[in-house]
Amino acid sequence: MLLGVPLHVDVTTLMLTRLTYARVCVKIDTLNLLVKEFDLQCPNRMVINISVEYEWLPSRCSSCNVWLSITT
């Protein structure tokens, strides 16, 4: 598991109608470092580099690096 557990994709990604990026909701383990890019080997053996952007992340404590929870 490179990034985490995939939970959802947007309709455009699901229908394979966008060629420039995929939008996926992934449950990540907050104890691991966040991946910024990785190589993906396609079925034809071609390797492509995938850049990862996080749409939103909670804040981290600057002293202990623990993710801060949001209370409502």
PDB file of N, CA and C in Angstrom:
ATOM      1  N   MET A   1       0.855  -1.179   0.000  1.00  0.00           N
ATOM      2  CA  MET A   1       0.000   0.000   0.000  1.00  0.00           C
ATOM      3  C   MET A   1       0.896   1.235   0.000  1.00  0.00           C
ATOM      4  N   LEU A   2       0.922   1.935  -1.104  1.00  0.00           N
ATOM      5  CA  LEU A   2       1.839   3.055  -1.269  1.00  0.00           C
ATOM      6  C   LEU A   2       1.344   4.324  -0.581  1.00  0.00           C
ATOM      7  N   LEU A   3       0.117   4.719  -0.866  1.00  0.00           N
ATOM      8  CA  LEU A   3      -0.431   5.943  -0.282  1.00  0.00           C
ATOM      9  C   LEU A   3      -1.359   5.649   0.883  1.00  0.00           C
ATOM     10  N   GLY A   4      -2.237   4.710   0.707  1.00  0.00           N
ATOM     11  CA  GLY A   4      -3.234   4.385   1.703  1.00  0.00           C
ATOM     12  C   GLY A   4      -4.363   3.585   1.075  1.00  0.00           C
ATOM     13  N   VAL A   5      -5.511   3.596   1.741  1.00  0.00           N
ATOM     14  CA  VAL A   5      -6.664   2.832   1.276  1.00  0.00           C
ATOM     15  C   VAL A   5      -7.563   3.740   0.444  1.00  0.00           C
ATOM     16  N   PRO A   6      -7.782   3.422  -0.844  1.00  0.00           N
ATOM     17  CA  PRO A   6      -8.666   4.262  -1.652  1.00  0.00           C
ATOM     18  C   PRO A   6     -10.107   4.125  -1.172  1.00  0.00           C
ATOM     19  N   LEU A   7     -10.785   5.264  -1.026  1.00  0.00           N
ATOM     20  CA  LEU A   7     -12.168   5.268  -0.552  1.00  0.00           C
ATOM     21  C   LEU A   7     -13.154   5.636  -1.650  1.00  0.00           C
ATOM     22  N   HIS A   8     -12.859   6.699  -2.413  1.00  0.00           N
ATOM     23  CA  HIS A   8     -13.763   7.192  -3.446  1.00  0.00           C
ATOM     24  C   HIS A   8     -12.961   7.818  -4.584  1.00  0.00           C
ATOM     25  N   VAL A   9     -13.577   7.880  -5.759  1.00  0.00           N
ATOM     26  CA  VAL A   9     -13.042   8.661  -6.875  1.00  0.00           C
ATOM     27  C   VAL A   9     -14.161   9.562  -7.380  1.00  0.00           C
ATOM     28  N   ASP A  10     -13.791  10.659  -8.033  1.00  0.00           N
ATOM     29  CA  ASP A  10     -14.823  11.513  -8.619  1.00  0.00           C
ATOM     30  C   ASP A  10     -15.344  10.872  -9.901  1.00  0.00           C
ATOM     31  N   VAL A  11     -16.489  11.347 -10.376  1.00  0.00           N
ATOM     32  CA  VAL A  11     -17.153  10.755 -11.538  1.00  0.00           C
ATOM     33  C   VAL A  11     -16.267  10.808 -12.775  1.00  0.00           C
ATOM     34  N   THR A  12     -15.570  11.919 -12.982  1.00  0.00           N
ATOM     35  CA  THR A  12     -14.719  12.058 -14.160  1.00  0.00           C
ATOM     36  C   THR A  12     -13.594  11.033 -14.142  1.00  0.00           C
ATOM     37  N   THR A  13     -13.009  10.795 -12.992  1.00  0.00           N
ATOM     38  CA  THR A  13     -11.959   9.777 -12.862  1.00  0.00           C
ATOM     39  C   THR A  13     -12.549   8.391 -13.078  1.00  0.00           C
ATOM     40  N   LEU A  14     -13.700   8.128 -12.491  1.00  0.00           N
ATOM     41  CA  LEU A  14     -14.351   6.830 -12.617  1.00  0.00           C
ATOM     42  C   LEU A  14     -14.683   6.507 -14.075  1.00  0.00           C
ATOM     43  N   MET A  15     -15.124   7.497 -14.822  1.00  0.00           N
ATOM     44  CA  MET A  15     -15.524   7.299 -16.221  1.00  0.00           C
ATOM     45  C   MET A  15     -14.329   7.388 -17.188  1.00  0.00           C
ATOM     46  N   LEU A  16     -13.136   7.654 -16.659  1.00  0.00           N
ATOM     47  CA  LEU A  16     -11.907   7.755 -17.459  1.00  0.00           C
ATOM     48  C   LEU A  16     -12.013   8.801 -18.563  1.00  0.00           C
ATOM     49  N   THR A  17     -12.644   9.943 -18.248  1.00  0.00           N
ATOM     50  CA  THR A  17     -12.818  10.987 -19.252  1.00  0.00           C
ATOM     51  C   THR A  17     -11.835  12.142 -19.100  1.00  0.00           C
ATOM     52  N   ARG A  18     -11.026  12.143 -18.053  1.00  0.00           N
ATOM     53  CA  ARG A  18     -10.008  13.179 -17.868  1.00  0.00           C
ATOM     54  C   ARG A  18      -8.644  12.527 -18.057  1.00  0.00           C
ATOM     55  N   LEU A  19      -7.799  13.118 -18.848  1.00  0.00           N
ATOM     56  CA  LEU A  19      -6.505  12.517 -19.148  1.00  0.00           C
ATOM     57  C   LEU A  19      -5.355  13.111 -18.353  1.00  0.00           C
ATOM     58  N   THR A  20      -5.571  14.248 -17.686  1.00  0.00           N
ATOM     59  CA  THR A  20      -4.446  14.925 -17.052  1.00  0.00           C
ATOM     60  C   THR A  20      -4.251  14.570 -15.580  1.00  0.00           C
ATOM     61  N   TYR A  21      -5.297  14.201 -14.878  1.00  0.00           N
ATOM     62  CA  TYR A  21      -5.143  13.814 -13.475  1.00  0.00           C
ATOM     63  C   TYR A  21      -6.334  12.988 -13.008  1.00  0.00           C
ATOM     64  N   ALA A  22      -6.154  12.295 -11.882  1.00  0.00           N
ATOM     65  CA  ALA A  22      -7.217  11.530 -11.247  1.00  0.00           C
ATOM     66  C   ALA A  22      -7.459  12.133  -9.868  1.00  0.00           C
ATOM     67  N   ARG A  23      -8.695  12.127  -9.451  1.00  0.00           N
ATOM     68  CA  ARG A  23      -9.036  12.660  -8.130  1.00  0.00           C
ATOM     69  C   ARG A  23      -9.569  11.504  -7.282  1.00  0.00           C
ATOM     70  N   VAL A  24      -8.815  11.169  -6.229  1.00  0.00           N
ATOM     71  CA  VAL A  24      -9.120  10.000  -5.415  1.00  0.00           C
ATOM     72  C   VAL A  24      -9.064  10.386  -3.940  1.00  0.00           C
ATOM     73  N   CYS A  25     -10.053   9.941  -3.183  1.00  0.00           N
ATOM     74  CA  CYS A  25     -10.052  10.124  -1.729  1.00  0.00           C
ATOM     75  C   CYS A  25      -9.383   8.889  -1.132  1.00  0.00           C
ATOM     76  N   VAL A  26      -8.320   9.107  -0.358  1.00  0.00           N
ATOM     77  CA  VAL A  26      -7.534   8.004   0.187  1.00  0.00           C
ATOM     78  C   VAL A  26      -7.402   8.168   1.696  1.00  0.00           C
ATOM     79  N   LYS A  27      -7.648   7.091   2.434  1.00  0.00           N
ATOM     80  CA  LYS A  27      -7.423   7.084   3.881  1.00  0.00           C
ATOM     81  C   LYS A  27      -5.950   6.784   4.103  1.00  0.00           C
ATOM     82  N   ILE A  28      -5.242   7.735   4.724  1.00  0.00           N
ATOM     83  CA  ILE A  28      -3.802   7.565   4.915  1.00  0.00           C
ATOM     84  C   ILE A  28      -3.480   7.288   6.379  1.00  0.00           C
ATOM     85  N   ASP A  29      -2.369   6.622   6.593  1.00  0.00           N
ATOM     86  CA  ASP A  29      -1.862   6.383   7.941  1.00  0.00           C
ATOM     87  C   ASP A  29      -1.053   7.609   8.330  1.00  0.00           C
ATOM     88  N   THR A  30      -1.504   8.338   9.321  1.00  0.00           N
ATOM     89  CA  THR A  30      -0.860   9.589   9.697  1.00  0.00           C
ATOM     90  C   THR A  30       0.508   9.402  10.337  1.00  0.00           C
ATOM     91  N   LEU A  31       0.869   8.169  10.657  1.00  0.00           N
ATOM     92  CA  LEU A  31       2.202   7.920  11.218  1.00  0.00           C
ATOM     93  C   LEU A  31       3.272   7.851  10.129  1.00  0.00           C
ATOM     94  N   ASN A  32       2.851   7.633   8.880  1.00  0.00           N
ATOM     95  CA  ASN A  32       3.795   7.545   7.768  1.00  0.00           C
ATOM     96  C   ASN A  32       4.059   8.919   7.171  1.00  0.00           C
ATOM     97  N   LEU A  33       5.181   9.048   6.490  1.00  0.00           N
ATOM     98  CA  LEU A  33       5.470  10.271   5.748  1.00  0.00           C
ATOM     99  C   LEU A  33       4.528  10.372   4.565  1.00  0.00           C
ATOM    100  N   LEU A  34       4.193  11.580   4.169  1.00  0.00           N
ATOM    101  CA  LEU A  34       3.310  11.783   3.024  1.00  0.00           C
ATOM    102  C   LEU A  34       4.109  11.646   1.731  1.00  0.00           C
ATOM    103  N   VAL A  35       3.617  10.817   0.836  1.00  0.00           N
ATOM    104  CA  VAL A  35       4.259  10.579  -0.453  1.00  0.00           C
ATOM    105  C   VAL A  35       3.999  11.773  -1.362  1.00  0.00           C
ATOM    106  N   LYS A  36       5.030  12.278  -2.012  1.00  0.00           N
ATOM    107  CA  LYS A  36       4.876  13.399  -2.937  1.00  0.00           C
ATOM    108  C   LYS A  36       4.890  12.942  -4.393  1.00  0.00           C
ATOM    109  N   GLU A  37       5.539  11.806  -4.660  1.00  0.00           N
ATOM    110  CA  GLU A  37       5.543  11.228  -5.999  1.00  0.00           C
ATOM    111  C   GLU A  37       5.970   9.776  -5.917  1.00  0.00           C
ATOM    112  N   PHE A  38       5.607   9.007  -6.956  1.00  0.00           N
ATOM    113  CA  PHE A  38       6.006   7.611  -7.029  1.00  0.00           C
ATOM    114  C   PHE A  38       5.993   7.169  -8.485  1.00  0.00           C
ATOM    115  N   ASP A  39       6.686   6.082  -8.767  1.00  0.00           N
ATOM    116  CA  ASP A  39       6.709   5.507 -10.109  1.00  0.00           C
ATOM    117  C   ASP A  39       5.655   4.405 -10.200  1.00  0.00           C
ATOM    118  N   LEU A  40       4.953   4.369 -11.318  1.00  0.00           N
ATOM    119  CA  LEU A  40       3.908   3.378 -11.570  1.00  0.00           C
ATOM    120  C   LEU A  40       4.263   2.606 -12.833  1.00  0.00           C
ATOM    121  N   GLN A  41       4.317   1.275 -12.714  1.00  0.00           N
ATOM    122  CA  GLN A  41       4.587   0.455 -13.894  1.00  0.00           C
ATOM    123  C   GLN A  41       3.258   0.050 -14.519  1.00  0.00           C
ATOM    124  N   CYS A  42       3.074   0.405 -15.767  1.00  0.00           N
ATOM    125  CA  CYS A  42       1.848   0.099 -16.514  1.00  0.00           C
ATOM    126  C   CYS A  42       1.893  -1.345 -17.005  1.00  0.00           C
ATOM    127  N   PRO A  43       0.725  -1.884 -17.416  1.00  0.00           N
ATOM    128  CA  PRO A  43       0.701  -3.261 -17.936  1.00  0.00           C
ATOM    129  C   PRO A  43       1.641  -3.487 -19.118  1.00  0.00           C
ATOM    130  N   ASN A  44       1.911  -2.442 -19.904  1.00  0.00           N
ATOM    131  CA  ASN A  44       2.825  -2.586 -21.047  1.00  0.00           C
ATOM    132  C   ASN A  44       4.295  -2.434 -20.637  1.00  0.00           C
ATOM    133  N   ARG A  45       4.565  -2.429 -19.331  1.00  0.00           N
ATOM    134  CA  ARG A  45       5.909  -2.336 -18.736  1.00  0.00           C
ATOM    135  C   ARG A  45       6.480  -0.919 -18.754  1.00  0.00           C
ATOM    136  N   MET A  46       5.737   0.044 -19.290  1.00  0.00           N
ATOM    137  CA  MET A  46       6.183   1.436 -19.271  1.00  0.00           C
ATOM    138  C   MET A  46       6.050   1.975 -17.839  1.00  0.00           C
ATOM    139  N   VAL A  47       7.040   2.735 -17.404  1.00  0.00           N
ATOM    140  CA  VAL A  47       7.019   3.313 -16.048  1.00  0.00           C
ATOM    141  C   VAL A  47       6.756   4.808 -16.163  1.00  0.00           C
ATOM    142  N   ILE A  48       5.770   5.284 -15.414  1.00  0.00           N
ATOM    143  CA  ILE A  48       5.459   6.715 -15.406  1.00  0.00           C
ATOM    144  C   ILE A  48       5.558   7.239 -13.973  1.00  0.00           C
ATOM    145  N   ASN A  49       5.962   8.487 -13.855  1.00  0.00           N
ATOM    146  CA  ASN A  49       6.087   9.129 -12.561  1.00  0.00           C
ATOM    147  C   ASN A  49       4.767   9.821 -12.229  1.00  0.00           C
ATOM    148  N   ILE A  50       4.230   9.532 -11.055  1.00  0.00           N
ATOM    149  CA  ILE A  50       2.963  10.106 -10.600  1.00  0.00           C
ATOM    150  C   ILE A  50       3.261  11.113  -9.496  1.00  0.00           C
ATOM    151  N   SER A  51       2.819  12.352  -9.678  1.00  0.00           N
ATOM    152  CA  SER A  51       2.931  13.382  -8.642  1.00  0.00           C
ATOM    153  C   SER A  51       1.660  13.366  -7.800  1.00  0.00           C
ATOM    154  N   VAL A  52       1.811  13.510  -6.491  1.00  0.00           N
ATOM    155  CA  VAL A  52       0.675  13.477  -5.573  1.00  0.00           C
ATOM    156  C   VAL A  52       0.471  14.861  -4.983  1.00  0.00           C
ATOM    157  N   GLU A  53      -0.764  15.338  -5.042  1.00  0.00           N
ATOM    158  CA  GLU A  53      -1.144  16.595  -4.400  1.00  0.00           C
ATOM    159  C   GLU A  53      -2.232  16.299  -3.387  1.00  0.00           C
ATOM    160  N   TYR A  54      -2.114  16.873  -2.214  1.00  0.00           N
ATOM    161  CA  TYR A  54      -3.109  16.697  -1.165  1.00  0.00           C
ATOM    162  C   TYR A  54      -4.005  17.925  -1.144  1.00  0.00           C
ATOM    163  N   GLU A  55      -5.284  17.706  -1.407  1.00  0.00           N
ATOM    164  CA  GLU A  55      -6.227  18.823  -1.468  1.00  0.00           C
ATOM    165  C   GLU A  55      -6.382  19.493  -0.109  1.00  0.00           C
ATOM    166  N   TRP A  56      -6.348  18.693   0.946  1.00  0.00           N
ATOM    167  CA  TRP A  56      -6.485  19.251   2.281  1.00  0.00           C
ATOM    168  C   TRP A  56      -5.790  18.341   3.272  1.00  0.00           C
ATOM    169  N   LEU A  57      -5.085  18.938   4.217  1.00  0.00           N
ATOM    170  CA  LEU A  57      -4.469  18.206   5.325  1.00  0.00           C
ATOM    171  C   LEU A  57      -4.699  19.004   6.599  1.00  0.00           C
ATOM    172  N   PRO A  58      -4.922  18.323   7.720  1.00  0.00           N
ATOM    173  CA  PRO A  58      -5.023  19.060   8.982  1.00  0.00           C
ATOM    174  C   PRO A  58      -3.667  19.629   9.357  1.00  0.00           C
ATOM    175  N   SER A  59      -3.666  20.557  10.271  1.00  0.00           N
ATOM    176  CA  SER A  59      -2.411  21.156  10.737  1.00  0.00           C
ATOM    177  C   SER A  59      -1.658  20.178  11.620  1.00  0.00           C
ATOM    178  N   ARG A  60      -0.351  20.385  11.692  1.00  0.00           N
ATOM    179  CA  ARG A  60       0.496  19.598  12.598  1.00  0.00           C
ATOM    180  C   ARG A  60       1.125  20.532  13.619  1.00  0.00           C
ATOM    181  N   CYS A  61       1.318  20.010  14.797  1.00  0.00           N
ATOM    182  CA  CYS A  61       1.990  20.767  15.855  1.00  0.00           C
ATOM    183  C   CYS A  61       3.447  20.974  15.454  1.00  0.00           C
ATOM    184  N   SER A  62       3.924  22.197  15.528  1.00  0.00           N
ATOM    185  CA  SER A  62       5.303  22.480  15.133  1.00  0.00           C
ATOM    186  C   SER A  62       6.325  21.926  16.132  1.00  0.00           C
ATOM    187  N   SER A  63       5.905  21.631  17.351  1.00  0.00           N
ATOM    188  CA  SER A  63       6.819  21.086  18.361  1.00  0.00           C
ATOM    189  C   SER A  63       6.949  19.575  18.278  1.00  0.00           C
ATOM    190  N   CYS A  64       5.799  18.873  18.221  1.00  0.00           N
ATOM    191  CA  CYS A  64       5.845  17.410  18.290  1.00  0.00           C
ATOM    192  C   CYS A  64       5.451  16.721  16.980  1.00  0.00           C
ATOM    193  N   ASN A  65       5.024  17.486  15.974  1.00  0.00           N
ATOM    194  CA  ASN A  65       4.671  16.953  14.660  1.00  0.00           C
ATOM    195  C   ASN A  65       3.436  16.067  14.657  1.00  0.00           C
ATOM    196  N   VAL A  66       2.590  16.170  15.681  1.00  0.00           N
ATOM    197  CA  VAL A  66       1.356  15.409  15.766  1.00  0.00           C
ATOM    198  C   VAL A  66       0.256  16.162  15.024  1.00  0.00           C
ATOM    199  N   TRP A  67      -0.588  15.407  14.286  1.00  0.00           N
ATOM    200  CA  TRP A  67      -1.711  16.022  13.591  1.00  0.00           C
ATOM    201  C   TRP A  67      -2.694  16.589  14.613  1.00  0.00           C
ATOM    202  N   LEU A  68      -3.164  17.794  14.365  1.00  0.00           N
ATOM    203  CA  LEU A  68      -4.114  18.433  15.268  1.00  0.00           C
ATOM    204  C   LEU A  68      -5.523  18.099  14.812  1.00  0.00           C
ATOM    205  N   SER A  69      -6.365  17.683  15.745  1.00  0.00           N
ATOM    206  CA  SER A  69      -7.737  17.353  15.384  1.00  0.00           C
ATOM    207  C   SER A  69      -8.578  18.615  15.366  1.00  0.00           C
ATOM    208  N   ILE A  70      -9.607  18.584  14.555  1.00  0.00           N
ATOM    209  CA  ILE A  70     -10.526  19.723  14.450  1.00  0.00           C
ATOM    210  C   ILE A  70     -11.769  19.386  15.235  1.00  0.00           C
ATOM    211  N   THR A  71     -12.130  20.242  16.145  1.00  0.00           N
ATOM    212  CA  THR A  71     -13.351  20.016  16.935  1.00  0.00           C
ATOM    213  C   THR A  71     -14.411  20.979  16.436  1.00  0.00           C
ATOM    214  N   THR A  72     -15.639  20.474  16.385  1.00  0.00           N
ATOM    215  CA  THR A  72     -16.737  21.314  15.927  1.00  0.00           C
ATOM    216  C   THR A  72     -17.709  21.590  17.032  1.00  0.00           C
TER     217      THR A  72
END
